[in-house]
N, C-alpha and C. Protein backbone atom coordinates (compact mmCIF):
# COMPACT_ATOMS: atom_id res chain seq x y z
N MET A 1 -40.85 -61.59 130.22
CA MET A 1 -40.84 -61.16 128.84
C MET A 1 -39.61 -60.30 128.60
N LEU A 2 -39.02 -60.45 127.48
CA LEU A 2 -37.84 -59.72 127.08
C LEU A 2 -38.23 -58.32 126.61
N ASP A 3 -37.58 -57.30 127.20
CA ASP A 3 -37.90 -55.94 126.76
C ASP A 3 -37.03 -55.56 125.56
N GLN A 4 -37.48 -54.55 124.84
CA GLN A 4 -36.85 -54.20 123.56
C GLN A 4 -35.41 -53.73 123.75
N LYS A 5 -35.10 -52.97 124.81
CA LYS A 5 -33.75 -52.48 125.02
C LYS A 5 -32.78 -53.64 125.26
N THR A 6 -33.18 -54.59 126.09
CA THR A 6 -32.34 -55.75 126.36
C THR A 6 -32.15 -56.57 125.08
N ALA A 7 -33.22 -56.70 124.30
CA ALA A 7 -33.12 -57.45 123.05
C ALA A 7 -32.12 -56.79 122.12
N LYS A 8 -32.14 -55.47 122.02
CA LYS A 8 -31.18 -54.76 121.15
C LYS A 8 -29.75 -54.94 121.65
N ASP A 9 -29.58 -55.00 122.96
CA ASP A 9 -28.25 -55.23 123.53
C ASP A 9 -27.74 -56.64 123.23
N LEU A 10 -28.66 -57.60 123.10
CA LEU A 10 -28.27 -58.99 122.85
C LEU A 10 -28.09 -59.33 121.38
N ILE A 11 -28.53 -58.46 120.48
CA ILE A 11 -28.43 -58.73 119.04
C ILE A 11 -27.02 -59.11 118.59
N PRO A 12 -25.95 -58.38 119.02
CA PRO A 12 -24.61 -58.79 118.57
C PRO A 12 -24.24 -60.21 119.01
N LEU A 13 -24.71 -60.63 120.17
CA LEU A 13 -24.42 -61.99 120.65
C LEU A 13 -25.10 -63.04 119.79
N VAL A 14 -26.41 -62.89 119.57
CA VAL A 14 -27.14 -63.92 118.85
C VAL A 14 -26.86 -63.92 117.36
N ASN A 15 -26.27 -62.87 116.85
CA ASN A 15 -25.94 -62.83 115.42
C ASN A 15 -24.54 -63.36 115.13
N GLN A 16 -23.84 -63.85 116.13
CA GLN A 16 -22.54 -64.47 115.91
C GLN A 16 -22.72 -65.74 115.10
N PRO A 17 -21.83 -66.01 114.13
CA PRO A 17 -22.01 -67.17 113.25
C PRO A 17 -22.11 -68.52 113.98
N ASP A 18 -21.35 -68.71 115.04
CA ASP A 18 -21.31 -70.00 115.74
C ASP A 18 -22.30 -70.07 116.90
N PHE A 19 -23.06 -69.03 117.13
CA PHE A 19 -23.91 -68.96 118.31
C PHE A 19 -24.88 -70.13 118.40
N ASP A 20 -25.64 -70.36 117.33
CA ASP A 20 -26.65 -71.44 117.35
C ASP A 20 -26.04 -72.80 117.61
N GLU A 21 -24.97 -73.10 116.90
CA GLU A 21 -24.36 -74.43 117.03
C GLU A 21 -23.83 -74.65 118.45
N LEU A 22 -23.11 -73.68 118.97
CA LEU A 22 -22.53 -73.84 120.30
C LEU A 22 -23.61 -73.85 121.39
N LEU A 23 -24.62 -73.02 121.24
CA LEU A 23 -25.70 -73.00 122.22
C LEU A 23 -26.44 -74.33 122.21
N LEU A 24 -26.71 -74.88 121.05
CA LEU A 24 -27.44 -76.16 120.98
C LEU A 24 -26.64 -77.31 121.57
N ILE A 25 -25.33 -77.30 121.39
CA ILE A 25 -24.49 -78.31 122.01
C ILE A 25 -24.63 -78.24 123.52
N TYR A 26 -24.54 -77.04 124.06
CA TYR A 26 -24.67 -76.83 125.50
C TYR A 26 -26.05 -77.25 126.00
N LEU A 27 -27.10 -76.78 125.32
CA LEU A 27 -28.46 -77.08 125.76
C LEU A 27 -28.77 -78.57 125.67
N ASN A 28 -28.30 -79.23 124.64
CA ASN A 28 -28.54 -80.68 124.52
C ASN A 28 -27.88 -81.46 125.64
N THR A 29 -26.69 -81.02 126.05
CA THR A 29 -26.01 -81.68 127.15
C THR A 29 -26.80 -81.52 128.44
N LYS A 30 -27.30 -80.30 128.67
CA LYS A 30 -28.09 -80.04 129.87
C LYS A 30 -29.43 -80.80 129.83
N LYS A 31 -30.04 -80.91 128.66
CA LYS A 31 -31.29 -81.66 128.54
C LYS A 31 -31.07 -83.14 128.84
N GLU A 32 -29.96 -83.68 128.37
CA GLU A 32 -29.65 -85.08 128.67
C GLU A 32 -29.54 -85.31 130.17
N ASP A 33 -28.91 -84.36 130.87
CA ASP A 33 -28.79 -84.46 132.32
C ASP A 33 -30.17 -84.45 132.99
N ALA A 34 -31.04 -83.55 132.52
CA ALA A 34 -32.38 -83.44 133.11
C ALA A 34 -33.21 -84.70 132.82
N TYR A 35 -33.11 -85.23 131.60
CA TYR A 35 -33.82 -86.47 131.28
C TYR A 35 -33.32 -87.63 132.12
N ARG A 36 -32.03 -87.66 132.38
CA ARG A 36 -31.47 -88.72 133.24
C ARG A 36 -32.07 -88.65 134.62
N ILE A 37 -32.23 -87.44 135.15
CA ILE A 37 -32.85 -87.28 136.48
C ILE A 37 -34.29 -87.77 136.44
N LEU A 38 -35.02 -87.42 135.37
CA LEU A 38 -36.42 -87.87 135.26
C LEU A 38 -36.51 -89.40 135.23
N GLU A 39 -35.57 -90.02 134.56
CA GLU A 39 -35.60 -91.48 134.42
C GLU A 39 -35.21 -92.20 135.70
N GLN A 40 -34.31 -91.61 136.47
CA GLN A 40 -33.72 -92.35 137.58
C GLN A 40 -34.19 -91.92 138.96
N SER A 41 -34.82 -90.75 139.07
CA SER A 41 -35.14 -90.22 140.39
C SER A 41 -36.47 -90.77 140.92
N ASP A 42 -36.50 -90.96 142.22
CA ASP A 42 -37.74 -91.33 142.91
C ASP A 42 -38.28 -90.16 143.72
N ASP A 43 -37.51 -89.09 143.79
CA ASP A 43 -37.89 -87.91 144.59
C ASP A 43 -38.74 -86.95 143.75
N ASP A 44 -39.95 -86.68 144.22
CA ASP A 44 -40.86 -85.80 143.48
C ASP A 44 -40.27 -84.42 143.23
N ILE A 45 -39.60 -83.88 144.20
CA ILE A 45 -39.03 -82.53 144.05
C ILE A 45 -37.97 -82.52 142.97
N GLU A 46 -37.10 -83.52 142.94
CA GLU A 46 -36.10 -83.60 141.88
C GLU A 46 -36.74 -83.72 140.50
N ILE A 47 -37.83 -84.46 140.40
CA ILE A 47 -38.54 -84.63 139.14
C ILE A 47 -39.14 -83.30 138.70
N TYR A 48 -39.76 -82.56 139.63
CA TYR A 48 -40.34 -81.25 139.29
C TYR A 48 -39.25 -80.28 138.82
N ARG A 49 -38.10 -80.32 139.50
CA ARG A 49 -36.99 -79.44 139.10
C ARG A 49 -36.48 -79.79 137.70
N ALA A 50 -36.37 -81.06 137.43
CA ALA A 50 -35.91 -81.50 136.10
C ALA A 50 -36.91 -81.09 135.03
N GLN A 51 -38.20 -81.18 135.33
CA GLN A 51 -39.22 -80.74 134.38
C GLN A 51 -39.10 -79.24 134.12
N GLY A 52 -38.86 -78.48 135.16
CA GLY A 52 -38.67 -77.03 135.01
C GLY A 52 -37.44 -76.72 134.19
N GLN A 53 -36.35 -77.46 134.43
CA GLN A 53 -35.14 -77.28 133.64
C GLN A 53 -35.40 -77.52 132.16
N LEU A 54 -36.11 -78.59 131.87
CA LEU A 54 -36.41 -78.91 130.46
C LEU A 54 -37.25 -77.82 129.81
N HIS A 55 -38.20 -77.28 130.54
CA HIS A 55 -39.03 -76.20 130.01
C HIS A 55 -38.17 -74.98 129.64
N ILE A 56 -37.29 -74.59 130.53
CA ILE A 56 -36.42 -73.43 130.28
C ILE A 56 -35.44 -73.71 129.15
N LEU A 57 -34.85 -74.90 129.14
CA LEU A 57 -33.88 -75.24 128.10
C LEU A 57 -34.52 -75.24 126.71
N LYS A 58 -35.74 -75.73 126.63
CA LYS A 58 -36.46 -75.73 125.34
C LYS A 58 -36.75 -74.29 124.91
N ARG A 59 -37.06 -73.44 125.87
CA ARG A 59 -37.32 -72.03 125.54
C ARG A 59 -36.04 -71.34 125.07
N MET A 60 -34.93 -71.70 125.66
CA MET A 60 -33.66 -71.10 125.28
C MET A 60 -33.26 -71.48 123.84
N GLU A 61 -33.75 -72.61 123.36
CA GLU A 61 -33.44 -73.01 121.98
C GLU A 61 -33.92 -71.99 120.96
N SER A 62 -34.97 -71.28 121.29
CA SER A 62 -35.51 -70.28 120.35
C SER A 62 -35.10 -68.85 120.74
N MET A 63 -34.03 -68.72 121.50
CA MET A 63 -33.59 -67.42 121.98
C MET A 63 -33.26 -66.45 120.85
N ARG A 64 -32.56 -66.91 119.83
CA ARG A 64 -32.17 -66.04 118.73
C ARG A 64 -33.39 -65.40 118.10
N LEU A 65 -34.38 -66.19 117.79
CA LEU A 65 -35.59 -65.68 117.15
C LEU A 65 -36.32 -64.70 118.07
N GLU A 66 -36.40 -65.04 119.34
CA GLU A 66 -37.07 -64.15 120.30
C GLU A 66 -36.36 -62.80 120.40
N VAL A 67 -35.04 -62.83 120.48
CA VAL A 67 -34.27 -61.59 120.59
C VAL A 67 -34.43 -60.75 119.32
N GLN A 68 -34.30 -61.37 118.17
CA GLN A 68 -34.41 -60.63 116.92
C GLN A 68 -35.81 -60.04 116.73
N THR A 69 -36.84 -60.80 117.06
CA THR A 69 -38.21 -60.33 116.92
C THR A 69 -38.49 -59.17 117.85
N THR A 70 -38.06 -59.29 119.11
CA THR A 70 -38.29 -58.24 120.10
C THR A 70 -37.51 -56.99 119.77
N ALA A 71 -36.30 -57.15 119.29
CA ALA A 71 -35.47 -55.98 118.93
C ALA A 71 -36.09 -55.17 117.79
N LYS A 72 -36.76 -55.87 116.86
CA LYS A 72 -37.42 -55.18 115.75
C LYS A 72 -38.69 -54.50 116.21
N GLY A 73 -39.22 -54.91 117.35
CA GLY A 73 -40.44 -54.32 117.87
C GLY A 73 -41.71 -54.97 117.35
N SER A 74 -41.58 -56.14 116.76
CA SER A 74 -42.76 -56.85 116.19
C SER A 74 -43.32 -57.81 117.18
C-alpha cells in the first residue's frame, strides 16, 4: 500500500501533462509482451510470471488516481 508521504512526493510526477499518455504507451507495450508469452509458452512458470506481470501492469494504469487519492488522505 502506498503511504501518504510517498504519494505526496509522487504528485509532481503524476501531474505532468504527458504522464498518462507516455505511461500508457509503455504499459501497453509491456502487456503485449506478457500476452505473447501467455500465448506461446508451454512452461508453467513462465505463464505464472506473465500473469503476475499483467496484474502489476494493470494496477500501474491507475497509478495517477491512486497517488492523488492517497496524497489527499482519502
